[in-house]
Amino acid sequence: MRRRTARAITALADGSLPQARHDAVLRRVSGSPKLARALKQQLVAIEAIRLLDAPAPTQLRDQIQRTAVTFMMPRYVHGGIDDRR
């Protein structure tokens, strides 16, 4: 399967495929057992991820929080605050 086709099927499954391409991709999937299986696999994977009810590990949450705080702090340069973000 070509990468573009795989990306289109993934986007169709997760709802991010642009509406302009939706019908064409759906027609291709409907006409191909191989593409239909690929779409079904994507839908199963997406549903499995949605059913996970586990929070992110504490270490990861802490690292993200530190990164966010660091990003929000102003950077100082010679002569004042660097506000070029």
PDB file of N, CA and C in Angstrom:
ATOM      1  N   MET A   1       0.844  -1.168   0.000  1.00  0.00           N
ATOM      2  CA  MET A   1       0.000   0.000   0.000  1.00  0.00           C
ATOM      3  C   MET A   1       0.898   1.243   0.000  1.00  0.00           C
ATOM      4  N   ARG A   2       0.553   2.193  -0.817  1.00  0.00           N
ATOM      5  CA  ARG A   2       1.321   3.433  -0.889  1.00  0.00           C
ATOM      6  C   ARG A   2       1.120   4.261   0.377  1.00  0.00           C
ATOM      7  N   ARG A   3       2.134   5.051   0.688  1.00  0.00           N
ATOM      8  CA  ARG A   3       2.064   5.889   1.898  1.00  0.00           C
ATOM      9  C   ARG A   3       0.886   6.851   1.852  1.00  0.00           C
ATOM     10  N   ARG A   4       0.662   7.434   0.695  1.00  0.00           N
ATOM     11  CA  ARG A   4      -0.442   8.394   0.579  1.00  0.00           C
ATOM     12  C   ARG A   4      -1.780   7.721   0.864  1.00  0.00           C
ATOM     13  N   THR A   5      -1.948   6.504   0.360  1.00  0.00           N
ATOM     14  CA  THR A   5      -3.181   5.756   0.599  1.00  0.00           C
ATOM     15  C   THR A   5      -3.312   5.419   2.073  1.00  0.00           C
ATOM     16  N   ALA A   6      -2.221   4.979   2.690  1.00  0.00           N
ATOM     17  CA  ALA A   6      -2.254   4.650   4.117  1.00  0.00           C
ATOM     18  C   ALA A   6      -2.600   5.878   4.953  1.00  0.00           C
ATOM     19  N   ARG A   7      -2.022   7.028   4.598  1.00  0.00           N
ATOM     20  CA  ARG A   7      -2.337   8.265   5.329  1.00  0.00           C
ATOM     21  C   ARG A   7      -3.808   8.641   5.159  1.00  0.00           C
ATOM     22  N   ALA A   8      -4.329   8.459   3.947  1.00  0.00           N
ATOM     23  CA  ALA A   8      -5.735   8.795   3.689  1.00  0.00           C
ATOM     24  C   ALA A   8      -6.659   7.890   4.495  1.00  0.00           C
ATOM     25  N   ILE A   9      -6.334   6.609   4.578  1.00  0.00           N
ATOM     26  CA  ILE A   9      -7.157   5.677   5.347  1.00  0.00           C
ATOM     27  C   ILE A   9      -7.105   6.010   6.833  1.00  0.00           C
ATOM     28  N   THR A  10      -5.920   6.339   7.311  1.00  0.00           N
ATOM     29  CA  THR A  10      -5.774   6.728   8.714  1.00  0.00           C
ATOM     30  C   THR A  10      -6.590   7.980   9.001  1.00  0.00           C
ATOM     31  N   ALA A  11      -6.501   8.960   8.117  1.00  0.00           N
ATOM     32  CA  ALA A  11      -7.254  10.203   8.300  1.00  0.00           C
ATOM     33  C   ALA A  11      -8.761   9.954   8.210  1.00  0.00           C
ATOM     34  N   LEU A  12      -9.170   9.059   7.331  1.00  0.00           N
ATOM     35  CA  LEU A  12     -10.588   8.703   7.240  1.00  0.00           C
ATOM     36  C   LEU A  12     -11.050   8.091   8.557  1.00  0.00           C
ATOM     37  N   ALA A  13     -10.245   7.218   9.115  1.00  0.00           N
ATOM     38  CA  ALA A  13     -10.604   6.535  10.360  1.00  0.00           C
ATOM     39  C   ALA A  13     -10.693   7.501  11.540  1.00  0.00           C
ATOM     40  N   ASP A  14      -9.759   8.438  11.616  1.00  0.00           N
ATOM     41  CA  ASP A  14      -9.753   9.319  12.786  1.00  0.00           C
ATOM     42  C   ASP A  14     -10.546  10.606  12.586  1.00  0.00           C
ATOM     43  N   GLY A  15     -11.127  10.762  11.404  1.00  0.00           N
ATOM     44  CA  GLY A  15     -11.984  11.910  11.161  1.00  0.00           C
ATOM     45  C   GLY A  15     -11.265  13.167  10.711  1.00  0.00           C
ATOM     46  N   SER A  16      -9.972  13.060  10.418  1.00  0.00           N
ATOM     47  CA  SER A  16      -9.222  14.259  10.029  1.00  0.00           C
ATOM     48  C   SER A  16      -9.080  14.427   8.513  1.00  0.00           C
ATOM     49  N   LEU A  17      -9.653  13.524   7.753  1.00  0.00           N
ATOM     50  CA  LEU A  17      -9.586  13.630   6.294  1.00  0.00           C
ATOM     51  C   LEU A  17     -10.450  14.805   5.834  1.00  0.00           C
ATOM     52  N   PRO A  18      -9.899  15.690   5.005  1.00  0.00           N
ATOM     53  CA  PRO A  18     -10.706  16.818   4.513  1.00  0.00           C
ATOM     54  C   PRO A  18     -11.959  16.318   3.788  1.00  0.00           C
ATOM     55  N   GLN A  19     -13.047  17.010   3.991  1.00  0.00           N
ATOM     56  CA  GLN A  19     -14.324  16.608   3.403  1.00  0.00           C
ATOM     57  C   GLN A  19     -14.233  16.464   1.879  1.00  0.00           C
ATOM     58  N   ALA A  20     -13.413  17.278   1.249  1.00  0.00           N
ATOM     59  CA  ALA A  20     -13.271  17.237  -0.207  1.00  0.00           C
ATOM     60  C   ALA A  20     -12.741  15.885  -0.687  1.00  0.00           C
ATOM     61  N   ARG A  21     -11.979  15.172   0.136  1.00  0.00           N
ATOM     62  CA  ARG A  21     -11.419  13.874  -0.256  1.00  0.00           C
ATOM     63  C   ARG A  21     -12.205  12.702   0.329  1.00  0.00           C
ATOM     64  N   HIS A  22     -13.083  12.970   1.268  1.00  0.00           N
ATOM     65  CA  HIS A  22     -13.776  11.912   2.011  1.00  0.00           C
ATOM     66  C   HIS A  22     -14.484  10.917   1.098  1.00  0.00           C
ATOM     67  N   ASP A  23     -15.320  11.417   0.210  1.00  0.00           N
ATOM     68  CA  ASP A  23     -16.112  10.516  -0.642  1.00  0.00           C
ATOM     69  C   ASP A  23     -15.233   9.680  -1.568  1.00  0.00           C
ATOM     70  N   ALA A  24     -14.198  10.294  -2.131  1.00  0.00           N
ATOM     71  CA  ALA A  24     -13.311   9.554  -3.046  1.00  0.00           C
ATOM     72  C   ALA A  24     -12.574   8.439  -2.315  1.00  0.00           C
ATOM     73  N   VAL A  25     -12.070   8.736  -1.133  1.00  0.00           N
ATOM     74  CA  VAL A  25     -11.352   7.708  -0.366  1.00  0.00           C
ATOM     75  C   VAL A  25     -12.317   6.611   0.058  1.00  0.00           C
ATOM     76  N   LEU A  26     -13.489   6.978   0.490  1.00  0.00           N
ATOM     77  CA  LEU A  26     -14.476   5.985   0.895  1.00  0.00           C
ATOM     78  C   LEU A  26     -14.865   5.072  -0.272  1.00  0.00           C
ATOM     79  N   ARG A  27     -14.973   5.635  -1.465  1.00  0.00           N
ATOM     80  CA  ARG A  27     -15.266   4.802  -2.652  1.00  0.00           C
ATOM     81  C   ARG A  27     -14.146   3.808  -2.908  1.00  0.00           C
ATOM     82  N   ARG A  28     -12.885   4.278  -2.787  1.00  0.00           N
ATOM     83  CA  ARG A  28     -11.745   3.367  -2.998  1.00  0.00           C
ATOM     84  C   ARG A  28     -11.751   2.244  -1.969  1.00  0.00           C
ATOM     85  N   VAL A  29     -12.032   2.590  -0.725  1.00  0.00           N
ATOM     86  CA  VAL A  29     -12.067   1.583   0.339  1.00  0.00           C
ATOM     87  C   VAL A  29     -13.196   0.592   0.082  1.00  0.00           C
ATOM     88  N   SER A  30     -14.335   1.089  -0.336  1.00  0.00           N
ATOM     89  CA  SER A  30     -15.487   0.214  -0.613  1.00  0.00           C
ATOM     90  C   SER A  30     -15.209  -0.771  -1.740  1.00  0.00           C
ATOM     91  N   GLY A  31     -14.354  -0.389  -2.668  1.00  0.00           N
ATOM     92  CA  GLY A  31     -14.053  -1.245  -3.806  1.00  0.00           C
ATOM     93  C   GLY A  31     -12.855  -2.152  -3.621  1.00  0.00           C
ATOM     94  N   SER A  32     -12.236  -2.144  -2.456  1.00  0.00           N
ATOM     95  CA  SER A  32     -11.031  -2.937  -2.246  1.00  0.00           C
ATOM     96  C   SER A  32     -11.078  -3.643  -0.894  1.00  0.00           C
ATOM     97  N   PRO A  33     -11.121  -4.972  -0.912  1.00  0.00           N
ATOM     98  CA  PRO A  33     -11.090  -5.700   0.363  1.00  0.00           C
ATOM     99  C   PRO A  33      -9.830  -5.388   1.192  1.00  0.00           C
ATOM    100  N   LYS A  34      -8.706  -5.190   0.521  1.00  0.00           N
ATOM    101  CA  LYS A  34      -7.461  -4.887   1.225  1.00  0.00           C
ATOM    102  C   LYS A  34      -7.557  -3.535   1.944  1.00  0.00           C
ATOM    103  N   LEU A  35      -8.077  -2.530   1.257  1.00  0.00           N
ATOM    104  CA  LEU A  35      -8.225  -1.219   1.873  1.00  0.00           C
ATOM    105  C   LEU A  35      -9.296  -1.241   2.961  1.00  0.00           C
ATOM    106  N   ALA A  36     -10.343  -2.027   2.764  1.00  0.00           N
ATOM    107  CA  ALA A  36     -11.394  -2.152   3.780  1.00  0.00           C
ATOM    108  C   ALA A  36     -10.824  -2.769   5.057  1.00  0.00           C
ATOM    109  N   ARG A  37      -9.959  -3.772   4.911  1.00  0.00           N
ATOM    110  CA  ARG A  37      -9.310  -4.367   6.088  1.00  0.00           C
ATOM    111  C   ARG A  37      -8.410  -3.361   6.787  1.00  0.00           C
ATOM    112  N   ALA A  38      -7.690  -2.571   6.002  1.00  0.00           N
ATOM    113  CA  ALA A  38      -6.801  -1.559   6.580  1.00  0.00           C
ATOM    114  C   ALA A  38      -7.610  -0.526   7.356  1.00  0.00           C
ATOM    115  N   LEU A  39      -8.745  -0.114   6.812  1.00  0.00           N
ATOM    116  CA  LEU A  39      -9.602   0.837   7.511  1.00  0.00           C
ATOM    117  C   LEU A  39     -10.135   0.221   8.802  1.00  0.00           C
ATOM    118  N   LYS A  40     -10.560  -1.023   8.733  1.00  0.00           N
ATOM    119  CA  LYS A  40     -11.071  -1.693   9.937  1.00  0.00           C
ATOM    120  C   LYS A  40      -9.987  -1.763  11.010  1.00  0.00           C
ATOM    121  N   GLN A  41      -8.758  -2.069  10.627  1.00  0.00           N
ATOM    122  CA  GLN A  41      -7.653  -2.117  11.587  1.00  0.00           C
ATOM    123  C   GLN A  41      -7.439  -0.755  12.237  1.00  0.00           C
ATOM    124  N   GLN A  42      -7.505   0.289  11.445  1.00  0.00           N
ATOM    125  CA  GLN A  42      -7.342   1.640  11.983  1.00  0.00           C
ATOM    126  C   GLN A  42      -8.467   1.969  12.964  1.00  0.00           C
ATOM    127  N   LEU A  43      -9.685   1.622  12.620  1.00  0.00           N
ATOM    128  CA  LEU A  43     -10.822   1.899  13.497  1.00  0.00           C
ATOM    129  C   LEU A  43     -10.702   1.136  14.817  1.00  0.00           C
ATOM    130  N   VAL A  44     -10.253  -0.114  14.753  1.00  0.00           N
ATOM    131  CA  VAL A  44     -10.059  -0.916  15.966  1.00  0.00           C
ATOM    132  C   VAL A  44      -8.973  -0.284  16.838  1.00  0.00           C
ATOM    133  N   ALA A  45      -7.877   0.139  16.222  1.00  0.00           N
ATOM    134  CA  ALA A  45      -6.786   0.764  16.977  1.00  0.00           C
ATOM    135  C   ALA A  45      -7.238   2.067  17.629  1.00  0.00           C
ATOM    136  N   ILE A  46      -7.972   2.877  16.896  1.00  0.00           N
ATOM    137  CA  ILE A  46      -8.468   4.141  17.444  1.00  0.00           C
ATOM    138  C   ILE A  46      -9.408   3.886  18.621  1.00  0.00           C
ATOM    139  N   GLU A  47     -10.280   2.918  18.487  1.00  0.00           N
ATOM    140  CA  GLU A  47     -11.207   2.603  19.577  1.00  0.00           C
ATOM    141  C   GLU A  47     -10.446   2.083  20.795  1.00  0.00           C
ATOM    142  N   ALA A  48      -9.428   1.277  20.591  1.00  0.00           N
ATOM    143  CA  ALA A  48      -8.631   0.774  21.714  1.00  0.00           C
ATOM    144  C   ALA A  48      -7.954   1.924  22.456  1.00  0.00           C
ATOM    145  N   ILE A  49      -7.440   2.867  21.721  1.00  0.00           N
ATOM    146  CA  ILE A  49      -6.785   4.022  22.342  1.00  0.00           C
ATOM    147  C   ILE A  49      -7.812   4.858  23.111  1.00  0.00           C
ATOM    148  N   ARG A  50      -8.968   5.032  22.546  1.00  0.00           N
ATOM    149  CA  ARG A  50     -10.012   5.825  23.216  1.00  0.00           C
ATOM    150  C   ARG A  50     -10.487   5.162  24.510  1.00  0.00           C
ATOM    151  N   LEU A  51     -10.425   3.838  24.561  1.00  0.00           N
ATOM    152  CA  LEU A  51     -10.886   3.124  25.739  1.00  0.00           C
ATOM    153  C   LEU A  51      -9.863   3.120  26.866  1.00  0.00           C
ATOM    154  N   LEU A  52      -8.638   3.476  26.568  1.00  0.00           N
ATOM    155  CA  LEU A  52      -7.630   3.531  27.620  1.00  0.00           C
ATOM    156  C   LEU A  52      -8.025   4.589  28.636  1.00  0.00           C
ATOM    157  N   ASP A  53      -7.947   4.230  29.875  1.00  0.00           N
ATOM    158  CA  ASP A  53      -8.330   5.166  30.924  1.00  0.00           C
ATOM    159  C   ASP A  53      -7.180   5.341  31.905  1.00  0.00           C
ATOM    160  N   ALA A  54      -5.977   5.320  31.372  1.00  0.00           N
ATOM    161  CA  ALA A  54      -4.800   5.448  32.227  1.00  0.00           C
ATOM    162  C   ALA A  54      -4.210   6.841  32.074  1.00  0.00           C
ATOM    163  N   PRO A  55      -3.955   7.506  33.185  1.00  0.00           N
ATOM    164  CA  PRO A  55      -3.326   8.829  33.088  1.00  0.00           C
ATOM    165  C   PRO A  55      -1.868   8.696  32.656  1.00  0.00           C
ATOM    166  N   ALA A  56      -1.341   9.774  32.142  1.00  0.00           N
ATOM    167  CA  ALA A  56       0.077   9.783  31.775  1.00  0.00           C
ATOM    168  C   ALA A  56       0.910   9.585  33.033  1.00  0.00           C
ATOM    169  N   PRO A  57       2.070   8.954  32.904  1.00  0.00           N
ATOM    170  CA  PRO A  57       2.936   8.753  34.070  1.00  0.00           C
ATOM    171  C   PRO A  57       3.309  10.095  34.706  1.00  0.00           C
ATOM    172  N   THR A  58       3.473  10.080  36.013  1.00  0.00           N
ATOM    173  CA  THR A  58       3.799  11.292  36.761  1.00  0.00           C
ATOM    174  C   THR A  58       5.056  11.963  36.219  1.00  0.00           C
ATOM    175  N   GLN A  59       6.062  11.184  35.922  1.00  0.00           N
ATOM    176  CA  GLN A  59       7.321  11.740  35.412  1.00  0.00           C
ATOM    177  C   GLN A  59       7.090  12.508  34.112  1.00  0.00           C
ATOM    178  N   LEU A  60       6.271  11.972  33.236  1.00  0.00           N
ATOM    179  CA  LEU A  60       5.972  12.654  31.976  1.00  0.00           C
ATOM    180  C   LEU A  60       5.196  13.937  32.222  1.00  0.00           C
ATOM    181  N   ARG A  61       4.181  13.880  33.088  1.00  0.00           N
ATOM    182  CA  ARG A  61       3.410  15.090  33.401  1.00  0.00           C
ATOM    183  C   ARG A  61       4.303  16.171  33.990  1.00  0.00           C
ATOM    184  N   ASP A  62       5.215  15.774  34.905  1.00  0.00           N
ATOM    185  CA  ASP A  62       6.136  16.739  35.517  1.00  0.00           C
ATOM    186  C   ASP A  62       7.052  17.375  34.472  1.00  0.00           C
ATOM    187  N   GLN A  63       7.556  16.560  33.553  1.00  0.00           N
ATOM    188  CA  GLN A  63       8.448  17.082  32.515  1.00  0.00           C
ATOM    189  C   GLN A  63       7.708  18.062  31.610  1.00  0.00           C
ATOM    190  N   ILE A  64       6.479  17.749  31.257  1.00  0.00           N
ATOM    191  CA  ILE A  64       5.690  18.652  30.416  1.00  0.00           C
ATOM    192  C   ILE A  64       5.423  19.956  31.160  1.00  0.00           C
ATOM    193  N   GLN A  65       5.115  19.858  32.447  1.00  0.00           N
ATOM    194  CA  GLN A  65       4.866  21.057  33.243  1.00  0.00           C
ATOM    195  C   GLN A  65       6.120  21.930  33.299  1.00  0.00           C
ATOM    196  N   ARG A  66       7.293  21.324  33.536  1.00  0.00           N
ATOM    197  CA  ARG A  66       8.543  22.096  33.579  1.00  0.00           C
ATOM    198  C   ARG A  66       8.817  22.760  32.242  1.00  0.00           C
ATOM    199  N   THR A  67       8.581  22.052  31.164  1.00  0.00           N
ATOM    200  CA  THR A  67       8.805  22.600  29.828  1.00  0.00           C
ATOM    201  C   THR A  67       7.864  23.772  29.574  1.00  0.00           C
ATOM    202  N   ALA A  68       6.610  23.632  29.963  1.00  0.00           N
ATOM    203  CA  ALA A  68       5.637  24.705  29.761  1.00  0.00           C
ATOM    204  C   ALA A  68       6.026  25.939  30.562  1.00  0.00           C
ATOM    205  N   VAL A  69       6.449  25.739  31.807  1.00  0.00           N
ATOM    206  CA  VAL A  69       6.847  26.876  32.645  1.00  0.00           C
ATOM    207  C   VAL A  69       8.068  27.546  32.054  1.00  0.00           C
ATOM    208  N   THR A  70       9.041  26.766  31.608  1.00  0.00           N
ATOM    209  CA  THR A  70      10.258  27.319  31.009  1.00  0.00           C
ATOM    210  C   THR A  70       9.924  28.111  29.757  1.00  0.00           C
ATOM    211  N   PHE A  71       9.013  27.600  28.956  1.00  0.00           N
ATOM    212  CA  PHE A  71       8.637  28.276  27.723  1.00  0.00           C
ATOM    213  C   PHE A  71       7.949  29.607  28.015  1.00  0.00           C
ATOM    214  N   MET A  72       7.184  29.660  29.088  1.00  0.00           N
ATOM    215  CA  MET A  72       6.425  30.867  29.408  1.00  0.00           C
ATOM    216  C   MET A  72       7.283  31.949  30.071  1.00  0.00           C
ATOM    217  N   MET A  73       8.445  31.569  30.603  1.00  0.00           N
ATOM    218  CA  MET A  73       9.307  32.557  31.267  1.00  0.00           C
ATOM    219  C   MET A  73       9.973  33.444  30.226  1.00  0.00           C
ATOM    220  N   PRO A  74      10.059  34.758  30.485  1.00  0.00           N
ATOM    221  CA  PRO A  74      10.725  35.646  29.529  1.00  0.00           C
ATOM    222  C   PRO A  74      12.216  35.345  29.474  1.00  0.00           C
ATOM    223  N   ARG A  75      12.783  35.524  28.314  1.00  0.00           N
ATOM    224  CA  ARG A  75      14.223  35.336  28.140  1.00  0.00           C
ATOM    225  C   ARG A  75      14.889  36.696  28.235  1.00  0.00           C
ATOM    226  N   TYR A  76      15.946  36.757  28.994  1.00  0.00           N
ATOM    227  CA  TYR A  76      16.657  38.014  29.159  1.00  0.00           C
ATOM    228  C   TYR A  76      17.888  38.032  28.275  1.00  0.00           C
ATOM    229  N   VAL A  77      18.093  39.133  27.620  1.00  0.00           N
ATOM    230  CA  VAL A  77      19.273  39.341  26.793  1.00  0.00           C
ATOM    231  C   VAL A  77      19.913  40.652  27.234  1.00  0.00           C
ATOM    232  N   HIS A  78      21.085  40.909  26.757  1.00  0.00           N
ATOM    233  CA  HIS A  78      21.773  42.146  27.112  1.00  0.00           C
ATOM    234  C   HIS A  78      20.894  43.341  26.749  1.00  0.00           C
ATOM    235  N   GLY A  79      20.516  44.105  27.735  1.00  0.00           N
ATOM    236  CA  GLY A  79      19.731  45.302  27.480  1.00  0.00           C
ATOM    237  C   GLY A  79      18.238  45.151  27.722  1.00  0.00           C
ATOM    238  N   GLY A  80      17.759  43.975  28.092  1.00  0.00           N
ATOM    239  CA  GLY A  80      16.330  43.861  28.379  1.00  0.00           C
ATOM    240  C   GLY A  80      15.791  42.479  28.111  1.00  0.00           C
ATOM    241  N   ILE A  81      14.487  42.406  27.904  1.00  0.00           N
ATOM    242  CA  ILE A  81      13.810  41.132  27.678  1.00  0.00           C
ATOM    243  C   ILE A  81      13.713  40.874  26.189  1.00  0.00           C
ATOM    244  N   ASP A  82      14.015  39.650  25.803  1.00  0.00           N
ATOM    245  CA  ASP A  82      13.898  39.244  24.402  1.00  0.00           C
ATOM    246  C   ASP A  82      12.453  38.779  24.178  1.00  0.00           C
ATOM    247  N   ASP A  83      11.674  39.565  23.473  1.00  0.00           N
ATOM    248  CA  ASP A  83      10.266  39.202  23.256  1.00  0.00           C
ATOM    249  C   ASP A  83      10.010  38.679  21.852  1.00  0.00           C
ATOM    250  N   ARG A  84      11.041  38.193  21.187  1.00  0.00           N
ATOM    251  CA  ARG A  84      10.875  37.657  19.820  1.00  0.00           C
ATOM    252  C   ARG A  84      10.537  36.181  19.885  1.00  0.00           C
ATOM    253  N   ARG A  85       9.339  35.826  20.074  1.00  0.00           N
ATOM    254  CA  ARG A  85       8.943  34.409  20.106  1.00  0.00           C
ATOM    255  C   ARG A  85       8.100  34.084  18.929  1.00  0.00           C
TER     256      ARG A  85
END
